N, C-alpha and C. Protein backbone atom coordinates (compact mmCIF):
# COMPACT_ATOMS: atom_id res chain seq x y z
N MET A 1 15.77 99.75 -28.59
CA MET A 1 15.40 98.80 -27.54
C MET A 1 13.95 99.06 -27.12
N LYS A 2 13.19 97.99 -26.98
CA LYS A 2 11.81 98.13 -26.53
C LYS A 2 11.70 98.05 -25.02
N ARG A 3 12.77 97.57 -24.34
CA ARG A 3 12.80 97.49 -22.89
C ARG A 3 14.26 97.56 -22.43
N PRO A 4 14.50 97.88 -21.17
CA PRO A 4 15.88 98.00 -20.69
C PRO A 4 16.69 96.74 -20.96
N THR A 5 17.90 96.91 -21.46
CA THR A 5 18.74 95.77 -21.82
C THR A 5 20.19 96.07 -21.49
N ARG A 6 20.90 95.11 -20.95
CA ARG A 6 22.32 95.26 -20.67
C ARG A 6 23.11 95.01 -21.96
N ILE A 7 24.03 95.89 -22.28
CA ILE A 7 24.82 95.78 -23.50
C ILE A 7 26.27 95.52 -23.13
N ARG A 8 26.89 94.55 -23.80
CA ARG A 8 28.31 94.25 -23.58
C ARG A 8 29.02 94.29 -24.92
N LEU A 9 30.08 95.09 -24.99
CA LEU A 9 30.87 95.20 -26.21
C LEU A 9 32.00 94.19 -26.16
N GLN A 10 32.07 93.32 -27.15
CA GLN A 10 33.10 92.29 -27.19
C GLN A 10 33.81 92.36 -28.53
N ALA A 11 35.12 92.63 -28.52
CA ALA A 11 35.88 92.73 -29.76
C ALA A 11 36.04 91.36 -30.39
N THR A 12 35.95 91.33 -31.72
CA THR A 12 36.10 90.06 -32.44
C THR A 12 37.55 89.79 -32.81
N ASN A 13 38.42 90.79 -32.70
CA ASN A 13 39.84 90.58 -32.97
C ASN A 13 40.63 91.59 -32.15
N SER A 14 41.94 91.56 -32.32
CA SER A 14 42.81 92.42 -31.51
C SER A 14 43.08 93.77 -32.15
N LEU A 15 42.45 94.06 -33.29
CA LEU A 15 42.70 95.33 -33.96
C LEU A 15 42.12 96.48 -33.15
N PRO A 16 42.81 97.61 -33.09
CA PRO A 16 42.28 98.75 -32.34
C PRO A 16 41.01 99.28 -33.00
N ARG A 17 40.05 99.70 -32.19
CA ARG A 17 38.78 100.20 -32.71
C ARG A 17 38.42 101.49 -32.01
N ARG A 18 37.73 102.32 -32.73
CA ARG A 18 37.18 103.54 -32.15
C ARG A 18 35.70 103.54 -32.47
N LYS A 19 34.87 103.81 -31.49
CA LYS A 19 33.43 103.76 -31.68
C LYS A 19 32.77 105.01 -31.13
N VAL A 20 31.70 105.39 -31.77
CA VAL A 20 30.86 106.48 -31.29
C VAL A 20 29.49 105.89 -30.99
N LEU A 21 29.04 105.97 -29.75
CA LEU A 21 27.74 105.44 -29.35
C LEU A 21 26.77 106.61 -29.20
N ILE A 22 25.68 106.56 -29.96
CA ILE A 22 24.69 107.63 -29.94
C ILE A 22 23.35 107.04 -29.51
N THR A 23 22.74 107.61 -28.50
CA THR A 23 21.41 107.18 -28.07
C THR A 23 20.42 108.31 -28.38
N VAL A 24 19.20 107.92 -28.72
CA VAL A 24 18.17 108.92 -29.04
C VAL A 24 16.93 108.67 -28.19
N PRO A 25 16.14 109.70 -27.93
CA PRO A 25 14.91 109.52 -27.14
C PRO A 25 13.93 108.59 -27.86
N ARG A 26 13.19 107.82 -27.11
CA ARG A 26 12.18 106.94 -27.68
C ARG A 26 11.17 107.73 -28.51
N ALA A 27 10.89 108.97 -28.08
CA ALA A 27 9.91 109.81 -28.79
C ALA A 27 10.33 110.05 -30.24
N TRP A 28 11.64 110.09 -30.52
CA TRP A 28 12.11 110.27 -31.90
C TRP A 28 11.65 109.11 -32.76
N ILE A 29 11.86 107.89 -32.26
CA ILE A 29 11.48 106.70 -33.03
C ILE A 29 9.97 106.65 -33.22
N GLU A 30 9.23 107.00 -32.18
CA GLU A 30 7.78 107.00 -32.29
C GLU A 30 7.31 108.02 -33.32
N SER A 31 7.99 109.16 -33.39
CA SER A 31 7.62 110.17 -34.38
C SER A 31 7.90 109.67 -35.80
N VAL A 32 9.02 108.97 -35.98
CA VAL A 32 9.35 108.41 -37.29
C VAL A 32 8.30 107.38 -37.70
N LEU A 33 7.85 106.56 -36.74
CA LEU A 33 6.83 105.56 -37.03
C LEU A 33 5.52 106.23 -37.44
N LEU A 34 5.19 107.33 -36.79
CA LEU A 34 3.98 108.07 -37.17
C LEU A 34 4.12 108.63 -38.58
N ASP A 35 5.30 109.14 -38.90
CA ASP A 35 5.54 109.67 -40.24
C ASP A 35 5.41 108.55 -41.28
N CYS A 36 5.94 107.37 -40.96
CA CYS A 36 5.85 106.23 -41.87
C CYS A 36 4.39 105.86 -42.11
N SER A 37 3.62 105.84 -41.02
CA SER A 37 2.21 105.49 -41.12
C SER A 37 1.46 106.49 -41.99
N ALA A 38 1.76 107.78 -41.78
CA ALA A 38 1.07 108.82 -42.54
C ALA A 38 1.43 108.76 -44.03
N ALA A 39 2.68 108.32 -44.32
CA ALA A 39 3.13 108.25 -45.70
C ALA A 39 2.81 106.90 -46.35
N GLY A 40 2.23 105.98 -45.57
CA GLY A 40 1.91 104.67 -46.12
C GLY A 40 3.12 103.78 -46.31
N VAL A 41 4.19 104.06 -45.54
CA VAL A 41 5.43 103.27 -45.63
C VAL A 41 5.45 102.23 -44.51
N PRO A 42 5.72 100.95 -44.81
CA PRO A 42 5.77 99.92 -43.76
C PRO A 42 6.82 100.26 -42.70
N ALA A 43 6.51 100.00 -41.44
CA ALA A 43 7.46 100.26 -40.36
C ALA A 43 8.66 99.33 -40.48
N PRO A 44 9.88 99.86 -40.49
CA PRO A 44 11.08 99.01 -40.58
C PRO A 44 11.15 98.04 -39.40
N GLU A 45 11.70 96.86 -39.64
CA GLU A 45 11.83 95.85 -38.60
C GLU A 45 12.67 96.38 -37.44
N ALA A 46 13.63 97.24 -37.76
CA ALA A 46 14.52 97.77 -36.73
C ALA A 46 13.76 98.56 -35.67
N PHE A 47 12.59 99.10 -36.02
CA PHE A 47 11.84 99.93 -35.09
C PHE A 47 10.85 99.15 -34.25
N VAL A 48 10.60 97.92 -34.59
CA VAL A 48 9.58 97.15 -33.87
C VAL A 48 10.13 95.88 -33.23
N GLN A 49 11.32 95.46 -33.62
CA GLN A 49 11.90 94.23 -33.07
C GLN A 49 12.89 94.57 -31.96
N HIS A 50 12.74 93.93 -30.82
CA HIS A 50 13.63 94.20 -29.69
C HIS A 50 15.05 93.70 -30.00
N ARG A 51 16.03 94.51 -29.69
CA ARG A 51 17.45 94.20 -29.88
C ARG A 51 17.75 93.87 -31.35
N PHE A 52 17.13 94.60 -32.24
CA PHE A 52 17.43 94.42 -33.66
C PHE A 52 18.89 94.80 -33.92
N HIS A 53 19.56 94.04 -34.77
CA HIS A 53 20.95 94.32 -35.12
C HIS A 53 21.05 94.42 -36.63
N GLY A 54 21.54 95.54 -37.11
CA GLY A 54 21.67 95.73 -38.55
C GLY A 54 22.97 96.42 -38.89
N ALA A 55 23.36 96.33 -40.15
CA ALA A 55 24.59 96.96 -40.63
C ALA A 55 24.26 98.21 -41.42
N TRP A 56 25.12 99.20 -41.30
CA TRP A 56 24.94 100.47 -42.02
C TRP A 56 26.31 100.96 -42.44
N GLN A 57 26.45 101.31 -43.71
CA GLN A 57 27.71 101.86 -44.22
C GLN A 57 27.62 103.38 -44.21
N PRO A 58 28.25 104.05 -43.25
CA PRO A 58 28.14 105.51 -43.16
C PRO A 58 28.86 106.19 -44.31
N SER A 59 28.36 107.36 -44.65
CA SER A 59 29.00 108.16 -45.69
C SER A 59 30.27 108.79 -45.16
N ARG A 60 31.05 109.36 -46.06
CA ARG A 60 32.27 110.06 -45.62
C ARG A 60 31.92 111.23 -44.70
N HIS A 61 30.80 111.86 -44.99
CA HIS A 61 30.38 112.99 -44.15
C HIS A 61 30.10 112.52 -42.73
N ALA A 62 29.41 111.38 -42.59
CA ALA A 62 29.12 110.85 -41.25
C ALA A 62 30.40 110.45 -40.54
N LEU A 63 31.35 109.86 -41.27
CA LEU A 63 32.63 109.48 -40.67
C LEU A 63 33.40 110.70 -40.18
N ALA A 64 33.33 111.77 -40.97
CA ALA A 64 34.00 113.01 -40.56
C ALA A 64 33.37 113.57 -39.29
N LEU A 65 32.04 113.51 -39.21
CA LEU A 65 31.36 113.99 -38.00
C LEU A 65 31.74 113.14 -36.79
N ALA A 66 31.87 111.82 -37.01
CA ALA A 66 32.29 110.94 -35.92
C ALA A 66 33.70 111.28 -35.44
N GLU A 67 34.58 111.59 -36.40
CA GLU A 67 35.95 111.99 -36.04
C GLU A 67 35.92 113.24 -35.18
N GLN A 68 35.03 114.16 -35.51
CA GLN A 68 34.94 115.41 -34.76
C GLN A 68 34.36 115.18 -33.37
N LEU A 69 33.51 114.15 -33.21
CA LEU A 69 33.00 113.82 -31.89
C LEU A 69 34.11 113.23 -31.02
N ILE A 70 34.98 112.42 -31.63
CA ILE A 70 36.08 111.79 -30.90
C ILE A 70 37.16 112.81 -30.58
N ASN A 71 37.42 113.73 -31.51
CA ASN A 71 38.46 114.76 -31.33
C ASN A 71 37.83 116.14 -31.45
N PRO A 72 37.06 116.57 -30.46
CA PRO A 72 36.38 117.87 -30.56
C PRO A 72 37.35 119.04 -30.54
N ALA A 73 36.96 120.10 -31.23
CA ALA A 73 37.78 121.32 -31.24
C ALA A 73 37.66 122.03 -29.90
N SER A 74 38.68 122.80 -29.57
CA SER A 74 38.66 123.56 -28.32
C SER A 74 37.60 124.65 -28.39
N ASP A 75 36.79 124.76 -27.36
CA ASP A 75 35.72 125.76 -27.35
C ASP A 75 35.19 125.88 -25.93
N LEU A 76 34.26 126.81 -25.73
CA LEU A 76 33.60 126.93 -24.44
C LEU A 76 32.79 125.66 -24.17
N PRO A 77 32.70 125.24 -22.92
CA PRO A 77 32.02 123.97 -22.59
C PRO A 77 30.63 123.83 -23.21
N MET A 78 29.79 124.86 -23.07
CA MET A 78 28.42 124.76 -23.58
C MET A 78 28.42 124.70 -25.10
N LEU A 79 29.32 125.42 -25.74
CA LEU A 79 29.38 125.40 -27.20
C LEU A 79 29.87 124.05 -27.70
N LYS A 80 30.75 123.41 -26.94
CA LYS A 80 31.21 122.06 -27.30
C LYS A 80 30.06 121.07 -27.22
N ILE A 81 29.20 121.24 -26.21
CA ILE A 81 28.04 120.36 -26.08
C ILE A 81 27.10 120.54 -27.26
N LEU A 82 26.84 121.79 -27.63
CA LEU A 82 25.95 122.07 -28.75
C LEU A 82 26.52 121.52 -30.06
N ALA A 83 27.84 121.67 -30.23
CA ALA A 83 28.48 121.15 -31.44
C ALA A 83 28.37 119.63 -31.50
N ALA A 84 28.58 118.97 -30.36
CA ALA A 84 28.50 117.51 -30.32
C ALA A 84 27.08 117.04 -30.61
N GLU A 85 26.09 117.73 -30.05
CA GLU A 85 24.70 117.34 -30.27
C GLU A 85 24.30 117.50 -31.74
N SER A 86 24.77 118.57 -32.37
CA SER A 86 24.42 118.79 -33.77
C SER A 86 25.04 117.70 -34.66
N LYS A 87 26.28 117.32 -34.37
CA LYS A 87 26.94 116.27 -35.16
C LYS A 87 26.26 114.92 -34.94
N ALA A 88 25.92 114.61 -33.67
CA ALA A 88 25.25 113.35 -33.37
C ALA A 88 23.88 113.29 -34.04
N THR A 89 23.18 114.42 -34.07
CA THR A 89 21.87 114.47 -34.71
C THR A 89 21.97 114.20 -36.20
N GLU A 90 22.98 114.76 -36.86
CA GLU A 90 23.14 114.54 -38.29
C GLU A 90 23.51 113.08 -38.60
N ILE A 91 24.35 112.49 -37.75
CA ILE A 91 24.68 111.07 -37.93
C ILE A 91 23.43 110.21 -37.76
N THR A 92 22.62 110.55 -36.75
CA THR A 92 21.39 109.82 -36.50
C THR A 92 20.43 109.93 -37.68
N ARG A 93 20.33 111.13 -38.25
CA ARG A 93 19.44 111.32 -39.41
C ARG A 93 19.86 110.41 -40.56
N GLU A 94 21.17 110.35 -40.82
CA GLU A 94 21.65 109.50 -41.91
C GLU A 94 21.39 108.02 -41.62
N ALA A 95 21.61 107.61 -40.37
CA ALA A 95 21.38 106.21 -40.00
C ALA A 95 19.91 105.84 -40.12
N LEU A 96 19.02 106.73 -39.67
CA LEU A 96 17.59 106.47 -39.77
C LEU A 96 17.15 106.40 -41.22
N ARG A 97 17.71 107.28 -42.04
CA ARG A 97 17.38 107.24 -43.46
C ARG A 97 17.82 105.92 -44.07
N SER A 98 18.98 105.41 -43.66
CA SER A 98 19.45 104.12 -44.15
C SER A 98 18.51 102.99 -43.75
N ILE A 99 18.02 103.04 -42.49
CA ILE A 99 17.09 102.02 -42.01
C ILE A 99 15.78 102.08 -42.78
N LEU A 100 15.30 103.28 -43.04
CA LEU A 100 14.04 103.44 -43.76
C LEU A 100 14.15 102.96 -45.20
N ASN A 101 15.36 103.02 -45.76
CA ASN A 101 15.55 102.55 -47.13
C ASN A 101 15.67 101.04 -47.20
N THR A 102 15.89 100.38 -46.05
CA THR A 102 16.02 98.93 -46.03
C THR A 102 14.66 98.29 -46.21
N GLY A 103 14.61 97.27 -47.03
CA GLY A 103 13.35 96.56 -47.20
C GLY A 103 12.65 96.85 -48.50
N TYR A 104 13.15 97.81 -49.28
CA TYR A 104 12.60 98.03 -50.61
C TYR A 104 13.69 98.53 -51.50
N ASP A 105 13.49 98.42 -52.79
CA ASP A 105 14.50 98.78 -53.77
C ASP A 105 14.57 100.28 -53.90
N SER A 106 15.64 100.88 -53.38
CA SER A 106 15.76 102.33 -53.41
C SER A 106 15.90 102.86 -54.82
N ASP A 107 16.35 102.01 -55.76
CA ASP A 107 16.50 102.47 -57.14
C ASP A 107 15.16 102.63 -57.83
N THR A 108 14.15 101.87 -57.38
CA THR A 108 12.84 101.96 -58.00
C THR A 108 11.85 102.74 -57.14
N ALA A 109 12.27 103.09 -55.92
CA ALA A 109 11.39 103.86 -55.05
C ALA A 109 11.19 105.26 -55.61
N PRO A 110 10.00 105.85 -55.35
CA PRO A 110 9.74 107.19 -55.86
C PRO A 110 10.78 108.18 -55.35
N MET A 111 11.24 109.07 -56.23
CA MET A 111 12.21 110.08 -55.85
C MET A 111 11.71 111.42 -56.37
N THR A 112 11.77 112.43 -55.52
CA THR A 112 11.32 113.74 -55.93
C THR A 112 12.28 114.31 -56.97
N LEU A 113 11.80 115.28 -57.75
CA LEU A 113 12.64 115.91 -58.76
C LEU A 113 13.84 116.57 -58.11
N GLU A 114 13.63 117.17 -56.95
CA GLU A 114 14.72 117.84 -56.22
C GLU A 114 15.80 116.84 -55.82
N ALA A 115 15.37 115.69 -55.26
CA ALA A 115 16.33 114.67 -54.84
C ALA A 115 17.04 114.06 -56.04
N SER A 116 16.33 113.90 -57.14
CA SER A 116 16.93 113.35 -58.36
C SER A 116 18.01 114.29 -58.89
N ARG A 117 17.73 115.58 -58.88
CA ARG A 117 18.73 116.57 -59.31
C ARG A 117 19.95 116.54 -58.40
N ALA A 118 19.70 116.49 -57.10
CA ALA A 118 20.81 116.47 -56.14
C ALA A 118 21.68 115.24 -56.34
N LYS A 119 21.07 114.09 -56.58
CA LYS A 119 21.83 112.86 -56.81
C LYS A 119 22.68 112.97 -58.07
N THR A 120 22.11 113.58 -59.11
CA THR A 120 22.85 113.76 -60.35
C THR A 120 24.07 114.65 -60.13
N VAL A 121 23.88 115.73 -59.37
CA VAL A 121 24.98 116.65 -59.08
C VAL A 121 26.06 115.94 -58.27
N ARG A 122 25.65 115.19 -57.26
CA ARG A 122 26.61 114.49 -56.41
C ARG A 122 27.44 113.49 -57.21
N GLU A 123 26.79 112.70 -58.04
CA GLU A 123 27.50 111.71 -58.84
C GLU A 123 28.45 112.38 -59.83
N PHE A 124 28.04 113.52 -60.38
CA PHE A 124 28.90 114.23 -61.33
C PHE A 124 30.15 114.75 -60.61
N ILE A 125 29.96 115.32 -59.42
CA ILE A 125 31.09 115.86 -58.66
C ILE A 125 32.08 114.75 -58.31
N LEU A 126 31.57 113.61 -57.86
CA LEU A 126 32.45 112.51 -57.48
C LEU A 126 33.22 111.96 -58.69
N ALA A 127 32.59 112.02 -59.87
CA ALA A 127 33.24 111.51 -61.08
C ALA A 127 34.24 112.49 -61.65
N HIS A 128 34.11 113.78 -61.31
CA HIS A 128 34.99 114.81 -61.90
C HIS A 128 35.70 115.64 -60.84
N GLN A 129 35.80 115.14 -59.60
CA GLN A 129 36.37 115.96 -58.53
C GLN A 129 37.84 116.30 -58.76
N VAL A 130 38.55 115.47 -59.51
CA VAL A 130 39.96 115.74 -59.79
C VAL A 130 40.11 116.99 -60.66
N GLU A 131 39.10 117.27 -61.47
CA GLU A 131 39.18 118.40 -62.39
C GLU A 131 38.99 119.74 -61.70
N GLY A 132 38.36 119.74 -60.52
CA GLY A 132 38.15 120.99 -59.81
C GLY A 132 37.29 121.98 -60.56
N LEU A 133 36.18 121.51 -61.10
CA LEU A 133 35.31 122.36 -61.92
C LEU A 133 34.55 123.37 -61.05
N PRO A 134 34.43 124.62 -61.50
CA PRO A 134 33.64 125.61 -60.76
C PRO A 134 32.15 125.31 -60.88
N LEU A 135 31.36 125.92 -60.00
CA LEU A 135 29.92 125.64 -59.98
C LEU A 135 29.25 125.98 -61.30
N GLY A 136 29.70 127.06 -61.93
CA GLY A 136 29.09 127.47 -63.20
C GLY A 136 29.24 126.41 -64.27
N VAL A 137 30.40 125.79 -64.32
CA VAL A 137 30.65 124.74 -65.32
C VAL A 137 29.82 123.50 -65.00
N ILE A 138 29.74 123.16 -63.73
CA ILE A 138 28.95 121.99 -63.33
C ILE A 138 27.49 122.19 -63.72
N ALA A 139 26.97 123.39 -63.41
CA ALA A 139 25.57 123.68 -63.72
C ALA A 139 25.33 123.64 -65.23
N GLU A 140 26.27 124.19 -66.00
CA GLU A 140 26.12 124.22 -67.45
C GLU A 140 26.12 122.81 -68.03
N ARG A 141 27.03 121.97 -67.56
CA ARG A 141 27.11 120.61 -68.09
C ARG A 141 25.88 119.77 -67.73
N LEU A 142 25.28 120.09 -66.59
CA LEU A 142 24.11 119.32 -66.15
C LEU A 142 22.80 119.95 -66.60
N GLY A 143 22.88 121.11 -67.24
CA GLY A 143 21.67 121.77 -67.72
C GLY A 143 20.81 122.33 -66.61
N MET A 144 21.44 122.83 -65.55
CA MET A 144 20.71 123.41 -64.43
C MET A 144 21.22 124.83 -64.18
N SER A 145 20.41 125.59 -63.47
CA SER A 145 20.90 126.88 -63.01
C SER A 145 21.66 126.67 -61.72
N ILE A 146 22.60 127.57 -61.42
CA ILE A 146 23.38 127.42 -60.19
C ILE A 146 22.46 127.45 -58.97
N GLY A 147 21.47 128.35 -59.00
CA GLY A 147 20.56 128.48 -57.86
C GLY A 147 19.76 127.22 -57.58
N SER A 148 19.14 126.66 -58.62
CA SER A 148 18.32 125.46 -58.43
C SER A 148 19.20 124.27 -58.05
N MET A 149 20.40 124.21 -58.59
CA MET A 149 21.33 123.13 -58.28
C MET A 149 21.74 123.20 -56.81
N GLN A 150 22.08 124.39 -56.36
CA GLN A 150 22.47 124.58 -54.96
C GLN A 150 21.33 124.25 -54.00
N ALA A 151 20.13 124.72 -54.34
CA ALA A 151 18.97 124.53 -53.46
C ALA A 151 18.63 123.04 -53.33
N ALA A 152 18.64 122.33 -54.46
CA ALA A 152 18.31 120.90 -54.44
C ALA A 152 19.33 120.11 -53.64
N PHE A 153 20.60 120.45 -53.82
CA PHE A 153 21.67 119.72 -53.12
C PHE A 153 21.60 119.96 -51.62
N LYS A 154 21.41 121.20 -51.22
CA LYS A 154 21.37 121.53 -49.79
C LYS A 154 20.15 120.89 -49.13
N ALA A 155 19.01 120.90 -49.80
CA ALA A 155 17.79 120.32 -49.23
C ALA A 155 17.91 118.81 -49.08
N THR A 156 18.61 118.18 -50.00
CA THR A 156 18.71 116.71 -49.98
C THR A 156 19.79 116.21 -49.06
N TYR A 157 20.98 116.85 -49.11
CA TYR A 157 22.13 116.33 -48.36
C TYR A 157 22.51 117.16 -47.14
N ARG A 158 21.79 118.25 -46.89
CA ARG A 158 22.03 119.11 -45.72
C ARG A 158 23.44 119.68 -45.71
N ILE A 159 24.01 119.92 -46.87
CA ILE A 159 25.34 120.50 -46.99
C ILE A 159 25.41 121.23 -48.32
N THR A 160 26.14 122.33 -48.38
CA THR A 160 26.25 123.05 -49.64
C THR A 160 27.18 122.30 -50.59
N ILE A 161 27.07 122.60 -51.88
CA ILE A 161 27.92 121.94 -52.86
C ILE A 161 29.38 122.28 -52.60
N GLY A 162 29.66 123.54 -52.31
CA GLY A 162 31.04 123.94 -52.04
C GLY A 162 31.62 123.19 -50.85
N ALA A 163 30.83 123.06 -49.78
CA ALA A 163 31.31 122.35 -48.59
C ALA A 163 31.51 120.87 -48.90
N PHE A 164 30.63 120.30 -49.72
CA PHE A 164 30.77 118.89 -50.09
C PHE A 164 32.05 118.66 -50.89
N ILE A 165 32.34 119.56 -51.82
CA ILE A 165 33.55 119.43 -52.62
C ILE A 165 34.79 119.54 -51.74
N ARG A 166 34.80 120.52 -50.83
CA ARG A 166 35.94 120.66 -49.91
C ARG A 166 36.10 119.42 -49.05
N GLU A 167 34.97 118.87 -48.61
CA GLU A 167 35.00 117.67 -47.78
C GLU A 167 35.62 116.50 -48.52
N GLN A 168 35.22 116.31 -49.79
CA GLN A 168 35.75 115.21 -50.59
C GLN A 168 37.25 115.39 -50.85
N ARG A 169 37.67 116.62 -51.08
CA ARG A 169 39.10 116.89 -51.30
C ARG A 169 39.92 116.61 -50.05
N LEU A 170 39.37 116.94 -48.89
CA LEU A 170 40.08 116.68 -47.65
C LEU A 170 40.18 115.19 -47.37
N PHE A 171 39.14 114.45 -47.70
CA PHE A 171 39.20 112.99 -47.54
C PHE A 171 40.27 112.41 -48.46
N ALA A 172 40.32 112.91 -49.70
CA ALA A 172 41.33 112.43 -50.65
C ALA A 172 42.73 112.77 -50.15
N ALA A 173 42.89 113.97 -49.56
CA ALA A 173 44.19 114.38 -49.03
C ALA A 173 44.59 113.49 -47.86
N ARG A 174 43.65 113.18 -47.00
CA ARG A 174 43.95 112.31 -45.86
C ARG A 174 44.39 110.93 -46.34
N GLU A 175 43.69 110.39 -47.35
CA GLU A 175 44.06 109.09 -47.90
C GLU A 175 45.44 109.13 -48.53
N ALA A 176 45.78 110.28 -49.16
CA ALA A 176 47.09 110.42 -49.78
C ALA A 176 48.20 110.36 -48.73
N ILE A 177 47.93 110.94 -47.55
CA ILE A 177 48.93 110.92 -46.47
C ILE A 177 49.03 109.53 -45.84
N GLU A 178 47.87 108.96 -45.51
CA GLU A 178 47.86 107.70 -44.77
C GLU A 178 48.20 106.49 -45.64
N GLN A 179 47.73 106.49 -46.89
CA GLN A 179 47.90 105.32 -47.74
C GLN A 179 49.06 105.44 -48.72
N ASP A 180 49.28 106.64 -49.21
CA ASP A 180 50.33 106.84 -50.22
C ASP A 180 51.61 107.44 -49.65
N GLY A 181 51.58 107.83 -48.38
CA GLY A 181 52.77 108.39 -47.75
C GLY A 181 53.15 109.78 -48.22
N LYS A 182 52.16 110.54 -48.74
CA LYS A 182 52.44 111.90 -49.21
C LYS A 182 52.75 112.82 -48.04
N ARG A 183 53.60 113.81 -48.30
CA ARG A 183 53.86 114.82 -47.29
C ARG A 183 52.64 115.74 -47.17
N VAL A 184 52.55 116.44 -46.05
CA VAL A 184 51.41 117.33 -45.82
C VAL A 184 51.34 118.39 -46.91
N SER A 185 52.48 118.93 -47.32
CA SER A 185 52.49 119.96 -48.37
C SER A 185 51.96 119.40 -49.69
N GLU A 186 52.30 118.15 -49.99
CA GLU A 186 51.81 117.52 -51.22
C GLU A 186 50.31 117.27 -51.14
N ALA A 187 49.85 116.82 -49.97
CA ALA A 187 48.42 116.59 -49.79
C ALA A 187 47.64 117.90 -49.87
N ALA A 188 48.24 118.98 -49.37
CA ALA A 188 47.58 120.28 -49.44
C ALA A 188 47.38 120.70 -50.89
N TYR A 189 48.39 120.48 -51.71
CA TYR A 189 48.30 120.81 -53.14
C TYR A 189 47.21 119.98 -53.82
N LEU A 190 47.14 118.69 -53.49
CA LEU A 190 46.12 117.82 -54.07
C LEU A 190 44.72 118.27 -53.68
N ALA A 191 44.59 118.84 -52.48
CA ALA A 191 43.28 119.29 -52.01
C ALA A 191 42.93 120.67 -52.52
N GLY A 192 43.84 121.29 -53.28
CA GLY A 192 43.57 122.60 -53.85
C GLY A 192 43.97 123.77 -52.97
N TYR A 193 44.85 123.52 -51.99
CA TYR A 193 45.30 124.59 -51.09
C TYR A 193 46.72 125.00 -51.45
N ASP A 194 46.93 126.29 -51.70
CA ASP A 194 48.26 126.81 -51.97
C ASP A 194 49.05 127.03 -50.69
N ASN A 195 48.31 127.25 -49.60
CA ASN A 195 48.94 127.53 -48.31
C ASN A 195 48.76 126.32 -47.39
N PRO A 196 49.86 125.65 -47.02
CA PRO A 196 49.76 124.49 -46.12
C PRO A 196 49.10 124.83 -44.79
N GLY A 197 49.28 126.09 -44.32
CA GLY A 197 48.66 126.49 -43.06
C GLY A 197 47.14 126.49 -43.17
N SER A 198 46.63 127.00 -44.29
CA SER A 198 45.18 127.01 -44.50
C SER A 198 44.66 125.58 -44.62
N PHE A 199 45.45 124.73 -45.27
CA PHE A 199 45.07 123.32 -45.40
C PHE A 199 45.00 122.66 -44.03
N SER A 200 45.99 122.91 -43.19
CA SER A 200 46.01 122.31 -41.86
C SER A 200 44.81 122.75 -41.03
N THR A 201 44.45 124.04 -41.17
CA THR A 201 43.29 124.56 -40.43
C THR A 201 42.01 123.88 -40.90
N ALA A 202 41.84 123.77 -42.23
CA ALA A 202 40.65 123.12 -42.77
C ALA A 202 40.62 121.64 -42.41
N PHE A 203 41.77 121.00 -42.42
CA PHE A 203 41.88 119.57 -42.09
C PHE A 203 41.48 119.34 -40.63
N ARG A 204 41.98 120.17 -39.74
CA ARG A 204 41.65 120.03 -38.32
C ARG A 204 40.16 120.27 -38.09
N ARG A 205 39.60 121.24 -38.79
CA ARG A 205 38.18 121.53 -38.66
C ARG A 205 37.33 120.35 -39.13
N GLN A 206 37.81 119.67 -40.17
CA GLN A 206 37.07 118.54 -40.74
C GLN A 206 37.17 117.28 -39.88
N PHE A 207 38.39 116.96 -39.44
CA PHE A 207 38.63 115.67 -38.78
C PHE A 207 38.88 115.77 -37.28
N GLY A 208 39.14 116.97 -36.79
CA GLY A 208 39.36 117.12 -35.35
C GLY A 208 40.80 116.99 -34.92
N PHE A 209 41.72 116.80 -35.88
CA PHE A 209 43.14 116.72 -35.56
C PHE A 209 43.93 117.19 -36.79
N PRO A 210 45.19 117.63 -36.60
CA PRO A 210 45.97 118.14 -37.73
C PRO A 210 46.45 117.02 -38.65
N PRO A 211 46.78 117.35 -39.89
CA PRO A 211 47.25 116.33 -40.83
C PRO A 211 48.54 115.65 -40.38
N SER A 212 49.32 116.34 -39.59
CA SER A 212 50.58 115.75 -39.11
C SER A 212 50.33 114.56 -38.19
N ASN A 213 49.10 114.42 -37.68
CA ASN A 213 48.76 113.31 -36.80
C ASN A 213 48.31 112.07 -37.56
N CYS A 214 48.19 112.17 -38.86
CA CYS A 214 47.74 111.02 -39.65
C CYS A 214 48.75 109.89 -39.53
N LYS A 215 48.23 108.67 -39.39
CA LYS A 215 49.10 107.50 -39.28
C LYS A 215 49.42 106.94 -40.66
N ARG A 216 50.66 106.88 -40.97
CA ARG A 216 51.08 106.34 -42.28
C ARG A 216 51.22 104.84 -42.18
């Protein structure tokens, strides 16, 4: 917003909705505009047009962070605030990156070698996640060292490869419960957990609620 504006949320249908509203300081946007100017990148319309409205498809990681904001884990009050701020900041970073990518062809835009490697690793994991391949095998098949592969992925996606794989497995397990009607023990096995208790702990940490709360 370029000036104070009253906002009214109006549902378009009767389906239940859950929303996370994140506001950021104006100085953040101004800093991004300065970075764009320094890099020779045109300022996105979203940053200069008042009441701009755009669509963004969040990643599974962003959706998981939103779930954790809605269902925060029990903790000391100040630590809960810090946890919420860190999750909101990561969601904001992804949203801003999406806005910055709007307006030019991201497939032909310049990409650093590090980002290109990270993208290759991510696509390989998503295509072979059912196989549960160890990092050594992934690195060997992609012709990378484990160290360089890990570093590129963490720098690009702000998450380790191991954490990303666990995250994808938990999303698949949640879908198995909600869409396929699998029992929690079956979903735990699909996610690679031999112990349902460990699975439930990881599930709650990821989504903010236990797998038994999933709506079938």
